[in-house]
Amino acid sequence: MKHLFFAFALLGLTLTLRSAPENVSDISGKWHFVLDTPGGDREMDAVFHLDGDKVTGKWGTADVSGTFTGGKLALSFPYTSDENGERDTLKITGDLRDGKLIGDWQFGGYNGTFKATPVK
C-alpha cells in the first residue's frame, strides 16, 4: 500500500512540474515593445536584467529601473523622446501573461497601452 501511495505522489509531482510554465518569473533578456500612442504605434526594444525583484537594463539608450514581482512589472525612469526631445519620466506598468508583457505606459501628458514580446 505504501508503494502505491508513493507511486501516485511521484506521478502527481511529475505532472505538476511538466505543466508549470517556463521562465514565468524571469523577464531577463531582450523585449520588443509596441506602444499604442495617439500618433500611432511606436516600437522600442528594451533589455532587462532581473536581480531578485529589481529590474535594470536599457530602454533604447535610457537606463531602466524598477521592479518585477509576482508577474507584475513596474518601471519608472528618466527618458528623452527621440521625436521631440521632451524629457520626462517614462512609467511602464504591466503583467506577464502567456510569455508576453501587457500593460500601460505614461510619459508626461501622454499615455496608452503596450504589448511586448521576448526577442529570441
PDB file of N, CA and C in Angstrom:
ATOM      1  N   MET A   1       0.818  -1.187   0.000  1.00  0.00           N
ATOM      2  CA  MET A   1       0.000   0.000   0.000  1.00  0.00           C
ATOM      3  C   MET A   1       0.872   1.266   0.000  1.00  0.00           C
ATOM      4  N   LYS A   2       1.971   1.226   0.783  1.00  0.00           N
ATOM      5  CA  LYS A   2       2.875   2.374   0.817  1.00  0.00           C
ATOM      6  C   LYS A   2       3.465   2.636  -0.565  1.00  0.00           C
ATOM      7  N   HIS A   3       3.791   1.564  -1.286  1.00  0.00           N
ATOM      8  CA  HIS A   3       4.382   1.717  -2.616  1.00  0.00           C
ATOM      9  C   HIS A   3       3.389   2.352  -3.583  1.00  0.00           C
ATOM     10  N   LEU A   4       2.133   1.990  -3.474  1.00  0.00           N
ATOM     11  CA  LEU A   4       1.100   2.566  -4.337  1.00  0.00           C
ATOM     12  C   LEU A   4       0.930   4.050  -4.055  1.00  0.00           C
ATOM     13  N   PHE A   5       0.899   4.418  -2.783  1.00  0.00           N
ATOM     14  CA  PHE A   5       0.778   5.829  -2.414  1.00  0.00           C
ATOM     15  C   PHE A   5       1.978   6.619  -2.948  1.00  0.00           C
ATOM     16  N   PHE A   6       3.193   6.067  -2.770  1.00  0.00           N
ATOM     17  CA  PHE A   6       4.402   6.726  -3.245  1.00  0.00           C
ATOM     18  C   PHE A   6       4.376   6.899  -4.767  1.00  0.00           C
ATOM     19  N   ALA A   7       3.913   5.900  -5.487  1.00  0.00           N
ATOM     20  CA  ALA A   7       3.842   5.964  -6.950  1.00  0.00           C
ATOM     21  C   ALA A   7       2.890   7.073  -7.392  1.00  0.00           C
ATOM     22  N   PHE A   8       1.722   7.194  -6.744  1.00  0.00           N
ATOM     23  CA  PHE A   8       0.773   8.254  -7.101  1.00  0.00           C
ATOM     24  C   PHE A   8       1.322   9.633  -6.750  1.00  0.00           C
ATOM     25  N   ALA A   9       1.997   9.739  -5.610  1.00  0.00           N
ATOM     26  CA  ALA A   9       2.590  11.016  -5.212  1.00  0.00           C
ATOM     27  C   ALA A   9       3.655  11.445  -6.218  1.00  0.00           C
ATOM     28  N   LEU A  10       4.492  10.514  -6.632  1.00  0.00           N
ATOM     29  CA  LEU A  10       5.541  10.800  -7.602  1.00  0.00           C
ATOM     30  C   LEU A  10       4.936  11.182  -8.949  1.00  0.00           C
ATOM     31  N   LEU A  11       3.894  10.496  -9.383  1.00  0.00           N
ATOM     32  CA  LEU A  11       3.214  10.824 -10.633  1.00  0.00           C
ATOM     33  C   LEU A  11       2.624  12.229 -10.569  1.00  0.00           C
ATOM     34  N   GLY A  12       2.005  12.589  -9.451  1.00  0.00           N
ATOM     35  CA  GLY A  12       1.428  13.923  -9.282  1.00  0.00           C
ATOM     36  C   GLY A  12       2.484  15.014  -9.348  1.00  0.00           C
ATOM     37  N   LEU A  13       3.621  14.787  -8.707  1.00  0.00           N
ATOM     38  CA  LEU A  13       4.713  15.752  -8.735  1.00  0.00           C
ATOM     39  C   LEU A  13       5.261  15.905 -10.147  1.00  0.00           C
ATOM     40  N   THR A  14       5.427  14.808 -10.856  1.00  0.00           N
ATOM     41  CA  THR A  14       5.927  14.851 -12.230  1.00  0.00           C
ATOM     42  C   THR A  14       4.986  15.641 -13.134  1.00  0.00           C
ATOM     43  N   LEU A  15       3.698  15.393 -13.030  1.00  0.00           N
ATOM     44  CA  LEU A  15       2.732  16.117 -13.851  1.00  0.00           C
ATOM     45  C   LEU A  15       2.713  17.591 -13.514  1.00  0.00           C
ATOM     46  N   THR A  16       2.840  17.942 -12.240  1.00  0.00           N
ATOM     47  CA  THR A  16       2.871  19.343 -11.833  1.00  0.00           C
ATOM     48  C   THR A  16       4.082  20.045 -12.418  1.00  0.00           C
ATOM     49  N   LEU A  17       5.246  19.426 -12.343  1.00  0.00           N
ATOM     50  CA  LEU A  17       6.460  20.031 -12.865  1.00  0.00           C
ATOM     51  C   LEU A  17       6.400  20.178 -14.382  1.00  0.00           C
ATOM     52  N   ARG A  18       5.839  19.221 -15.080  1.00  0.00           N
ATOM     53  CA  ARG A  18       5.753  19.297 -16.540  1.00  0.00           C
ATOM     54  C   ARG A  18       4.775  20.366 -17.007  1.00  0.00           C
ATOM     55  N   SER A  19       3.728  20.629 -16.231  1.00  0.00           N
ATOM     56  CA  SER A  19       2.729  21.605 -16.674  1.00  0.00           C
ATOM     57  C   SER A  19       3.062  23.021 -16.247  1.00  0.00           C
ATOM     58  N   ALA A  20       4.094  23.197 -15.414  1.00  0.00           N
ATOM     59  CA  ALA A  20       4.455  24.543 -14.968  1.00  0.00           C
ATOM     60  C   ALA A  20       5.053  25.324 -16.130  1.00  0.00           C
ATOM     61  N   PRO A  21       4.645  26.597 -16.318  1.00  0.00           N
ATOM     62  CA  PRO A  21       5.199  27.395 -17.406  1.00  0.00           C
ATOM     63  C   PRO A  21       6.675  27.696 -17.158  1.00  0.00           C
ATOM     64  N   GLU A  22       7.432  27.772 -18.242  1.00  0.00           N
ATOM     65  CA  GLU A  22       8.855  28.047 -18.136  1.00  0.00           C
ATOM     66  C   GLU A  22       9.098  29.541 -17.975  1.00  0.00           C
ATOM     67  N   ASN A  23      10.120  29.904 -17.188  1.00  0.00           N
ATOM     68  CA  ASN A  23      10.568  31.282 -17.008  1.00  0.00           C
ATOM     69  C   ASN A  23       9.444  32.248 -16.667  1.00  0.00           C
ATOM     70  N   VAL A  24       8.455  31.788 -15.918  1.00  0.00           N
ATOM     71  CA  VAL A  24       7.330  32.658 -15.589  1.00  0.00           C
ATOM     72  C   VAL A  24       7.764  33.807 -14.681  1.00  0.00           C
ATOM     73  N   SER A  25       8.869  33.637 -13.978  1.00  0.00           N
ATOM     74  CA  SER A  25       9.282  34.673 -13.051  1.00  0.00           C
ATOM     75  C   SER A  25      10.542  35.403 -13.497  1.00  0.00           C
ATOM     76  N   ASP A  26      10.962  35.226 -14.726  1.00  0.00           N
ATOM     77  CA  ASP A  26      12.190  35.878 -15.185  1.00  0.00           C
ATOM     78  C   ASP A  26      11.945  36.602 -16.496  1.00  0.00           C
ATOM     79  N   ILE A  27      12.153  37.907 -16.475  1.00  0.00           N
ATOM     80  CA  ILE A  27      11.980  38.694 -17.698  1.00  0.00           C
ATOM     81  C   ILE A  27      13.320  39.151 -18.253  1.00  0.00           C
ATOM     82  N   SER A  28      14.402  38.571 -17.749  1.00  0.00           N
ATOM     83  CA  SER A  28      15.729  38.950 -18.236  1.00  0.00           C
ATOM     84  C   SER A  28      15.837  38.679 -19.728  1.00  0.00           C
ATOM     85  N   GLY A  29      16.480  39.605 -20.424  1.00  0.00           N
ATOM     86  CA  GLY A  29      16.694  39.448 -21.850  1.00  0.00           C
ATOM     87  C   GLY A  29      16.118  40.617 -22.634  1.00  0.00           C
ATOM     88  N   LYS A  30      16.087  40.437 -23.950  1.00  0.00           N
ATOM     89  CA  LYS A  30      15.634  41.494 -24.856  1.00  0.00           C
ATOM     90  C   LYS A  30      14.136  41.352 -25.133  1.00  0.00           C
ATOM     91  N   TRP A  31      13.418  42.482 -25.116  1.00  0.00           N
ATOM     92  CA  TRP A  31      11.979  42.531 -25.364  1.00  0.00           C
ATOM     93  C   TRP A  31      11.680  43.558 -26.440  1.00  0.00           C
ATOM     94  N   HIS A  32      10.708  43.247 -27.287  1.00  0.00           N
ATOM     95  CA  HIS A  32      10.242  44.175 -28.324  1.00  0.00           C
ATOM     96  C   HIS A  32       8.884  44.736 -27.889  1.00  0.00           C
ATOM     97  N   PHE A  33       8.839  46.041 -27.651  1.00  0.00           N
ATOM     98  CA  PHE A  33       7.627  46.726 -27.205  1.00  0.00           C
ATOM     99  C   PHE A  33       6.938  47.410 -28.369  1.00  0.00           C
ATOM    100  N   VAL A  34       5.610  47.347 -28.372  1.00  0.00           N
ATOM    101  CA  VAL A  34       4.782  48.123 -29.290  1.00  0.00           C
ATOM    102  C   VAL A  34       3.848  48.949 -28.411  1.00  0.00           C
ATOM    103  N   LEU A  35       4.063  50.277 -28.426  1.00  0.00           N
ATOM    104  CA  LEU A  35       3.260  51.190 -27.628  1.00  0.00           C
ATOM    105  C   LEU A  35       2.170  51.797 -28.496  1.00  0.00           C
ATOM    106  N   ASP A  36       0.947  51.729 -28.008  1.00  0.00           N
ATOM    107  CA  ASP A  36      -0.185  52.356 -28.687  1.00  0.00           C
ATOM    108  C   ASP A  36      -0.194  53.826 -28.264  1.00  0.00           C
ATOM    109  N   THR A  37       0.046  54.743 -29.219  1.00  0.00           N
ATOM    110  CA  THR A  37       0.108  56.173 -28.908  1.00  0.00           C
ATOM    111  C   THR A  37      -0.912  56.923 -29.747  1.00  0.00           C
ATOM    112  N   PRO A  38      -1.229  58.176 -29.362  1.00  0.00           N
ATOM    113  CA  PRO A  38      -2.152  58.981 -30.172  1.00  0.00           C
ATOM    114  C   PRO A  38      -1.677  59.176 -31.616  1.00  0.00           C
ATOM    115  N   GLY A  39      -0.354  59.118 -31.833  1.00  0.00           N
ATOM    116  CA  GLY A  39       0.207  59.283 -33.169  1.00  0.00           C
ATOM    117  C   GLY A  39       0.442  57.969 -33.895  1.00  0.00           C
ATOM    118  N   GLY A  40      -0.061  56.869 -33.365  1.00  0.00           N
ATOM    119  CA  GLY A  40       0.146  55.556 -33.967  1.00  0.00           C
ATOM    120  C   GLY A  40       1.092  54.719 -33.130  1.00  0.00           C
ATOM    121  N   ASP A  41       1.279  53.491 -33.551  1.00  0.00           N
ATOM    122  CA  ASP A  41       2.152  52.580 -32.814  1.00  0.00           C
ATOM    123  C   ASP A  41       3.600  53.054 -32.846  1.00  0.00           C
ATOM    124  N   ARG A  42       4.266  52.943 -31.711  1.00  0.00           N
ATOM    125  CA  ARG A  42       5.697  53.228 -31.601  1.00  0.00           C
ATOM    126  C   ARG A  42       6.360  51.953 -31.102  1.00  0.00           C
ATOM    127  N   GLU A  43       7.482  51.602 -31.718  1.00  0.00           N
ATOM    128  CA  GLU A  43       8.183  50.380 -31.353  1.00  0.00           C
ATOM    129  C   GLU A  43       9.513  50.703 -30.696  1.00  0.00           C
ATOM    130  N   MET A  44       9.871  49.889 -29.709  1.00  0.00           N
ATOM    131  CA  MET A  44      11.124  50.086 -28.979  1.00  0.00           C
ATOM    132  C   MET A  44      11.603  48.736 -28.470  1.00  0.00           C
ATOM    133  N   ASP A  45      12.907  48.528 -28.507  1.00  0.00           N
ATOM    134  CA  ASP A  45      13.489  47.335 -27.907  1.00  0.00           C
ATOM    135  C   ASP A  45      14.095  47.710 -26.561  1.00  0.00           C
ATOM    136  N   ALA A  46      13.922  46.837 -25.602  1.00  0.00           N
ATOM    137  CA  ALA A  46      14.469  47.027 -24.263  1.00  0.00           C
ATOM    138  C   ALA A  46      15.195  45.754 -23.852  1.00  0.00           C
ATOM    139  N   VAL A  47      16.182  45.924 -22.998  1.00  0.00           N
ATOM    140  CA  VAL A  47      16.908  44.787 -22.438  1.00  0.00           C
ATOM    141  C   VAL A  47      16.808  44.881 -20.928  1.00  0.00           C
ATOM    142  N   PHE A  48      16.329  43.817 -20.314  1.00  0.00           N
ATOM    143  CA  PHE A  48      16.139  43.787 -18.869  1.00  0.00           C
ATOM    144  C   PHE A  48      17.071  42.780 -18.212  1.00  0.00           C
ATOM    145  N   HIS A  49      17.511  43.134 -17.008  1.00  0.00           N
ATOM    146  CA  HIS A  49      18.272  42.248 -16.135  1.00  0.00           C
ATOM    147  C   HIS A  49      17.505  42.183 -14.822  1.00  0.00           C
ATOM    148  N   LEU A  50      17.257  40.988 -14.343  1.00  0.00           N
ATOM    149  CA  LEU A  50      16.497  40.810 -13.116  1.00  0.00           C
ATOM    150  C   LEU A  50      17.416  40.283 -12.023  1.00  0.00           C
ATOM    151  N   ASP A  51      17.454  40.987 -10.892  1.00  0.00           N
ATOM    152  CA  ASP A  51      18.234  40.574  -9.730  1.00  0.00           C
ATOM    153  C   ASP A  51      17.287  40.588  -8.541  1.00  0.00           C
ATOM    154  N   GLY A  52      16.781  39.409  -8.172  1.00  0.00           N
ATOM    155  CA  GLY A  52      15.705  39.355  -7.171  1.00  0.00           C
ATOM    156  C   GLY A  52      14.449  39.925  -7.810  1.00  0.00           C
ATOM    157  N   ASP A  53      13.913  40.997  -7.226  1.00  0.00           N
ATOM    158  CA  ASP A  53      12.765  41.659  -7.851  1.00  0.00           C
ATOM    159  C   ASP A  53      13.150  42.993  -8.490  1.00  0.00           C
ATOM    160  N   LYS A  54      14.440  43.320  -8.482  1.00  0.00           N
ATOM    161  CA  LYS A  54      14.933  44.575  -9.048  1.00  0.00           C
ATOM    162  C   LYS A  54      15.223  44.416 -10.543  1.00  0.00           C
ATOM    163  N   VAL A  55      14.676  45.340 -11.345  1.00  0.00           N
ATOM    164  CA  VAL A  55      14.891  45.336 -12.793  1.00  0.00           C
ATOM    165  C   VAL A  55      15.822  46.496 -13.156  1.00  0.00           C
ATOM    166  N   THR A  56      16.853  46.199 -13.920  1.00  0.00           N
ATOM    167  CA  THR A  56      17.722  47.209 -14.513  1.00  0.00           C
ATOM    168  C   THR A  56      17.847  46.864 -15.989  1.00  0.00           C
ATOM    169  N   GLY A  57      18.483  47.737 -16.742  1.00  0.00           N
ATOM    170  CA  GLY A  57      18.703  47.466 -18.150  1.00  0.00           C
ATOM    171  C   GLY A  57      18.655  48.727 -18.973  1.00  0.00           C
ATOM    172  N   LYS A  58      18.235  48.577 -20.228  1.00  0.00           N
ATOM    173  CA  LYS A  58      18.202  49.706 -21.173  1.00  0.00           C
ATOM    174  C   LYS A  58      16.868  49.741 -21.914  1.00  0.00           C
ATOM    175  N   TRP A  59      16.353  50.933 -22.097  1.00  0.00           N
ATOM    176  CA  TRP A  59      15.200  51.223 -22.948  1.00  0.00           C
ATOM    177  C   TRP A  59      15.767  52.132 -24.022  1.00  0.00           C
ATOM    178  N   GLY A  60      16.117  51.573 -25.161  1.00  0.00           N
ATOM    179  CA  GLY A  60      16.891  52.351 -26.126  1.00  0.00           C
ATOM    180  C   GLY A  60      18.241  52.649 -25.494  1.00  0.00           C
ATOM    181  N   THR A  61      18.535  53.942 -25.265  1.00  0.00           N
ATOM    182  CA  THR A  61      19.778  54.326 -24.598  1.00  0.00           C
ATOM    183  C   THR A  61      19.549  54.739 -23.143  1.00  0.00           C
ATOM    184  N   ALA A  62      18.300  54.790 -22.700  1.00  0.00           N
ATOM    185  CA  ALA A  62      17.980  55.197 -21.329  1.00  0.00           C
ATOM    186  C   ALA A  62      18.192  54.034 -20.358  1.00  0.00           C
ATOM    187  N   ASP A  63      18.654  54.356 -19.169  1.00  0.00           N
ATOM    188  CA  ASP A  63      18.820  53.359 -18.111  1.00  0.00           C
ATOM    189  C   ASP A  63      17.475  53.073 -17.457  1.00  0.00           C
ATOM    190  N   VAL A  64      17.134  51.797 -17.370  1.00  0.00           N
ATOM    191  CA  VAL A  64      15.859  51.341 -16.810  1.00  0.00           C
ATOM    192  C   VAL A  64      16.023  51.066 -15.322  1.00  0.00           C
ATOM    193  N   SER A  65      14.987  51.376 -14.555  1.00  0.00           N
ATOM    194  CA  SER A  65      14.957  50.948 -13.157  1.00  0.00           C
ATOM    195  C   SER A  65      13.521  50.654 -12.767  1.00  0.00           C
ATOM    196  N   GLY A  66      13.366  49.629 -11.931  1.00  0.00           N
ATOM    197  CA  GLY A  66      12.032  49.274 -11.487  1.00  0.00           C
ATOM    198  C   GLY A  66      12.020  47.930 -10.797  1.00  0.00           C
ATOM    199  N   THR A  67      10.821  47.324 -10.758  1.00  0.00           N
ATOM    200  CA  THR A  67      10.653  46.045 -10.085  1.00  0.00           C
ATOM    201  C   THR A  67       9.825  45.093 -10.936  1.00  0.00           C
ATOM    202  N   PHE A  68       9.998  43.805 -10.651  1.00  0.00           N
ATOM    203  CA  PHE A  68       9.175  42.757 -11.240  1.00  0.00           C
ATOM    204  C   PHE A  68       8.897  41.759 -10.131  1.00  0.00           C
ATOM    205  N   THR A  69       7.658  41.753  -9.645  1.00  0.00           N
ATOM    206  CA  THR A  69       7.270  40.915  -8.516  1.00  0.00           C
ATOM    207  C   THR A  69       5.930  40.267  -8.814  1.00  0.00           C
ATOM    208  N   GLY A  70       5.858  38.964  -8.621  1.00  0.00           N
ATOM    209  CA  GLY A  70       4.600  38.258  -8.798  1.00  0.00           C
ATOM    210  C   GLY A  70       4.005  38.417 -10.186  1.00  0.00           C
ATOM    211  N   GLY A  71       4.871  38.487 -11.200  1.00  0.00           N
ATOM    212  CA  GLY A  71       4.399  38.624 -12.570  1.00  0.00           C
ATOM    213  C   GLY A  71       4.024  40.046 -12.960  1.00  0.00           C
ATOM    214  N   LYS A  72       4.274  41.022 -12.061  1.00  0.00           N
ATOM    215  CA  LYS A  72       3.918  42.420 -12.330  1.00  0.00           C
ATOM    216  C   LYS A  72       5.172  43.270 -12.501  1.00  0.00           C
ATOM    217  N   LEU A  73       5.211  44.010 -13.602  1.00  0.00           N
ATOM    218  CA  LEU A  73       6.324  44.885 -13.931  1.00  0.00           C
ATOM    219  C   LEU A  73       5.965  46.326 -13.586  1.00  0.00           C
ATOM    220  N   ALA A  74       6.890  47.037 -12.937  1.00  0.00           N
ATOM    221  CA  ALA A  74       6.708  48.459 -12.629  1.00  0.00           C
ATOM    222  C   ALA A  74       8.042  49.163 -12.865  1.00  0.00           C
ATOM    223  N   LEU A  75       8.101  49.967 -13.923  1.00  0.00           N
ATOM    224  CA  LEU A  75       9.302  50.719 -14.259  1.00  0.00           C
ATOM    225  C   LEU A  75       9.003  52.206 -14.194  1.00  0.00           C
ATOM    226  N   SER A  76       9.995  52.989 -13.801  1.00  0.00           N
ATOM    227  CA  SER A  76       9.886  54.443 -13.789  1.00  0.00           C
ATOM    228  C   SER A  76      11.299  54.987 -13.932  1.00  0.00           C
ATOM    229  N   PHE A  77      11.573  55.704 -15.048  1.00  0.00           N
ATOM    230  CA  PHE A  77      12.933  56.161 -15.304  1.00  0.00           C
ATOM    231  C   PHE A  77      12.921  57.388 -16.215  1.00  0.00           C
ATOM    232  N   PRO A  78      13.954  58.243 -16.117  1.00  0.00           N
ATOM    233  CA  PRO A  78      14.043  59.418 -16.986  1.00  0.00           C
ATOM    234  C   PRO A  78      14.233  58.990 -18.436  1.00  0.00           C
ATOM    235  N   TYR A  79      13.534  59.680 -19.332  1.00  0.00           N
ATOM    236  CA  TYR A  79      13.607  59.336 -20.746  1.00  0.00           C
ATOM    237  C   TYR A  79      13.483  60.605 -21.579  1.00  0.00           C
ATOM    238  N   THR A  80      14.222  60.664 -22.663  1.00  0.00           N
ATOM    239  CA  THR A  80      14.127  61.767 -23.612  1.00  0.00           C
ATOM    240  C   THR A  80      13.540  61.240 -24.911  1.00  0.00           C
ATOM    241  N   SER A  81      12.443  61.843 -25.349  1.00  0.00           N
ATOM    242  CA  SER A  81      11.760  61.419 -26.566  1.00  0.00           C
ATOM    243  C   SER A  81      12.630  61.668 -27.781  1.00  0.00           C
ATOM    244  N   ASP A  82      12.757  60.647 -28.629  1.00  0.00           N
ATOM    245  CA  ASP A  82      13.501  60.798 -29.881  1.00  0.00           C
ATOM    246  C   ASP A  82      12.761  61.714 -30.845  1.00  0.00           C
ATOM    247  N   GLU A  83      11.445  61.790 -30.718  1.00  0.00           N
ATOM    248  CA  GLU A  83      10.634  62.554 -31.672  1.00  0.00           C
ATOM    249  C   GLU A  83      10.707  64.061 -31.456  1.00  0.00           C
ATOM    250  N   ASN A  84      10.573  64.501 -30.184  1.00  0.00           N
ATOM    251  CA  ASN A  84      10.520  65.949 -29.962  1.00  0.00           C
ATOM    252  C   ASN A  84      11.525  66.443 -28.930  1.00  0.00           C
ATOM    253  N   GLY A  85      12.373  65.552 -28.407  1.00  0.00           N
ATOM    254  CA  GLY A  85      13.385  65.956 -27.446  1.00  0.00           C
ATOM    255  C   GLY A  85      12.853  66.209 -26.043  1.00  0.00           C
ATOM    256  N   GLU A  86      11.559  65.979 -25.817  1.00  0.00           N
ATOM    257  CA  GLU A  86      10.972  66.190 -24.492  1.00  0.00           C
ATOM    258  C   GLU A  86      11.581  65.196 -23.504  1.00  0.00           C
ATOM    259  N   ARG A  87      11.917  65.713 -22.311  1.00  0.00           N
ATOM    260  CA  ARG A  87      12.483  64.855 -21.261  1.00  0.00           C
ATOM    261  C   ARG A  87      11.489  64.807 -20.104  1.00  0.00           C
ATOM    262  N   ASP A  88      11.183  63.592 -19.676  1.00  0.00           N
ATOM    263  CA  ASP A  88      10.246  63.391 -18.573  1.00  0.00           C
ATOM    264  C   ASP A  88      10.465  61.980 -18.040  1.00  0.00           C
ATOM    265  N   THR A  89       9.609  61.567 -17.122  1.00  0.00           N
ATOM    266  CA  THR A  89       9.681  60.216 -16.572  1.00  0.00           C
ATOM    267  C   THR A  89       8.771  59.296 -17.372  1.00  0.00           C
ATOM    268  N   LEU A  90       9.322  58.177 -17.832  1.00  0.00           N
ATOM    269  CA  LEU A  90       8.541  57.157 -18.517  1.00  0.00           C
ATOM    270  C   LEU A  90       8.164  56.105 -17.479  1.00  0.00           C
ATOM    271  N   LYS A  91       6.867  55.858 -17.374  1.00  0.00           N
ATOM    272  CA  LYS A  91       6.372  54.848 -16.438  1.00  0.00           C
ATOM    273  C   LYS A  91       5.733  53.722 -17.238  1.00  0.00           C
ATOM    274  N   ILE A  92       6.141  52.511 -16.922  1.00  0.00           N
ATOM    275  CA  ILE A  92       5.624  51.310 -17.570  1.00  0.00           C
ATOM    276  C   ILE A  92       5.102  50.389 -16.468  1.00  0.00           C
ATOM    277  N   THR A  93       3.844  49.988 -16.555  1.00  0.00           N
ATOM    278  CA  THR A  93       3.291  49.014 -15.613  1.00  0.00           C
ATOM    279  C   THR A  93       2.594  47.934 -16.422  1.00  0.00           C
ATOM    280  N   GLY A  94       2.812  46.693 -16.038  1.00  0.00           N
ATOM    281  CA  GLY A  94       2.179  45.616 -16.796  1.00  0.00           C
ATOM    282  C   GLY A  94       2.284  44.288 -16.103  1.00  0.00           C
ATOM    283  N   ASP A  95       1.727  43.300 -16.772  1.00  0.00           N
ATOM    284  CA  ASP A  95       1.698  41.929 -16.273  1.00  0.00           C
ATOM    285  C   ASP A  95       2.299  41.001 -17.312  1.00  0.00           C
ATOM    286  N   LEU A  96       2.948  39.950 -16.822  1.00  0.00           N
ATOM    287  CA  LEU A  96       3.446  38.895 -17.689  1.00  0.00           C
ATOM    288  C   LEU A  96       2.324  37.877 -17.848  1.00  0.00           C
ATOM    289  N   ARG A  97       1.831  37.738 -19.092  1.00  0.00           N
ATOM    290  CA  ARG A  97       0.741  36.797 -19.393  1.00  0.00           C
ATOM    291  C   ARG A  97       1.125  35.970 -20.616  1.00  0.00           C
ATOM    292  N   ASP A  98       1.117  34.672 -20.454  1.00  0.00           N
ATOM    293  CA  ASP A  98       1.422  33.765 -21.563  1.00  0.00           C
ATOM    294  C   ASP A  98       2.722  34.140 -22.274  1.00  0.00           C
ATOM    295  N   GLY A  99       3.735  34.526 -21.497  1.00  0.00           N
ATOM    296  CA  GLY A  99       5.039  34.837 -22.068  1.00  0.00           C
ATOM    297  C   GLY A  99       5.150  36.216 -22.683  1.00  0.00           C
ATOM    298  N   LYS A 100       4.113  37.054 -22.560  1.00  0.00           N
ATOM    299  CA  LYS A 100       4.121  38.421 -23.100  1.00  0.00           C
ATOM    300  C   LYS A 100       3.871  39.407 -21.981  1.00  0.00           C
ATOM    301  N   LEU A 101       4.435  40.601 -22.125  1.00  0.00           N
ATOM    302  CA  LEU A 101       4.144  41.687 -21.194  1.00  0.00           C
ATOM    303  C   LEU A 101       3.037  42.543 -21.796  1.00  0.00           C
ATOM    304  N   ILE A 102       2.015  42.840 -20.995  1.00  0.00           N
ATOM    305  CA  ILE A 102       0.875  43.638 -21.444  1.00  0.00           C
ATOM    306  C   ILE A 102       0.568  44.649 -20.358  1.00  0.00           C
ATOM    307  N   GLY A 103       0.378  45.926 -20.743  1.00  0.00           N
ATOM    308  CA  GLY A 103       0.098  46.912 -19.714  1.00  0.00           C
ATOM    309  C   GLY A 103      -0.077  48.306 -20.234  1.00  0.00           C
ATOM    310  N   ASP A 104       0.295  49.281 -19.382  1.00  0.00           N
ATOM    311  CA  ASP A 104       0.100  50.701 -19.655  1.00  0.00           C
ATOM    312  C   ASP A 104       1.429  51.445 -19.576  1.00  0.00           C
ATOM    313  N   TRP A 105       1.494  52.564 -20.285  1.00  0.00           N
ATOM    314  CA  TRP A 105       2.650  53.443 -20.225  1.00  0.00           C
ATOM    315  C   TRP A 105       2.171  54.872 -20.022  1.00  0.00           C
ATOM    316  N   GLN A 106       3.053  55.714 -19.449  1.00  0.00           N
ATOM    317  CA  GLN A 106       2.763  57.130 -19.264  1.00  0.00           C
ATOM    318  C   GLN A 106       4.061  57.900 -19.436  1.00  0.00           C
ATOM    319  N   PHE A 107       4.003  58.998 -20.192  1.00  0.00           N
ATOM    320  CA  PHE A 107       5.158  59.861 -20.408  1.00  0.00           C
ATOM    321  C   PHE A 107       4.652  61.289 -20.505  1.00  0.00           C
ATOM    322  N   GLY A 108       4.980  62.112 -19.508  1.00  0.00           N
ATOM    323  CA  GLY A 108       4.466  63.480 -19.492  1.00  0.00           C
ATOM    324  C   GLY A 108       2.949  63.451 -19.514  1.00  0.00           C
ATOM    325  N   GLY A 109       2.337  64.187 -20.443  1.00  0.00           N
ATOM    326  CA  GLY A 109       0.888  64.211 -20.568  1.00  0.00           C
ATOM    327  C   GLY A 109       0.330  63.131 -21.473  1.00  0.00           C
ATOM    328  N   TYR A 110       1.155  62.213 -21.902  1.00  0.00           N
ATOM    329  CA  TYR A 110       0.732  61.157 -22.822  1.00  0.00           C
ATOM    330  C   TYR A 110       0.613  59.823 -22.082  1.00  0.00           C
ATOM    331  N   ASN A 111      -0.262  58.963 -22.575  1.00  0.00           N
ATOM    332  CA  ASN A 111      -0.369  57.624 -22.007  1.00  0.00           C
ATOM    333  C   ASN A 111      -1.043  56.694 -23.003  1.00  0.00           C
ATOM    334  N   GLY A 112      -0.949  55.427 -22.729  1.00  0.00           N
ATOM    335  CA  GLY A 112      -1.555  54.430 -23.597  1.00  0.00           C
ATOM    336  C   GLY A 112      -1.263  53.032 -23.094  1.00  0.00           C
ATOM    337  N   THR A 113      -1.446  52.073 -23.969  1.00  0.00           N
ATOM    338  CA  THR A 113      -1.207  50.674 -23.630  1.00  0.00           C
ATOM    339  C   THR A 113      -0.001  50.165 -24.420  1.00  0.00           C
ATOM    340  N   PHE A 114       0.480  48.999 -24.027  1.00  0.00           N
ATOM    341  CA  PHE A 114       1.583  48.375 -24.759  1.00  0.00           C
ATOM    342  C   PHE A 114       1.453  46.872 -24.717  1.00  0.00           C
ATOM    343  N   LYS A 115       2.151  46.243 -25.657  1.00  0.00           N
ATOM    344  CA  LYS A 115       2.357  44.795 -25.669  1.00  0.00           C
ATOM    345  C   LYS A 115       3.829  44.587 -25.971  1.00  0.00           C
ATOM    346  N   ALA A 116       4.417  43.599 -25.320  1.00  0.00           N
ATOM    347  CA  ALA A 116       5.838  43.300 -25.550  1.00  0.00           C
ATOM    348  C   ALA A 116       6.053  41.805 -25.625  1.00  0.00           C
ATOM    349  N   THR A 117       6.938  41.419 -26.517  1.00  0.00           N
ATOM    350  CA  THR A 117       7.275  40.014 -26.682  1.00  0.00           C
ATOM    351  C   THR A 117       8.786  39.841 -26.556  1.00  0.00           C
ATOM    352  N   PRO A 118       9.211  38.713 -26.018  1.00  0.00           N
ATOM    353  CA  PRO A 118      10.656  38.490 -25.917  1.00  0.00           C
ATOM    354  C   PRO A 118      11.268  38.287 -27.298  1.00  0.00           C
ATOM    355  N   VAL A 119      12.481  38.786 -27.472  1.00  0.00           N
ATOM    356  CA  VAL A 119      13.206  38.624 -28.733  1.00  0.00           C
ATOM    357  C   VAL A 119      14.120  37.420 -28.552  1.00  0.00           C
ATOM    358  N   LYS A 120      13.970  36.438 -29.425  1.00  0.00           N
ATOM    359  CA  LYS A 120      14.763  35.199 -29.329  1.00  0.00           C
ATOM    360  C   LYS A 120      16.097  35.376 -29.998  1.00  0.00           C
TER     361      LYS A 120
END
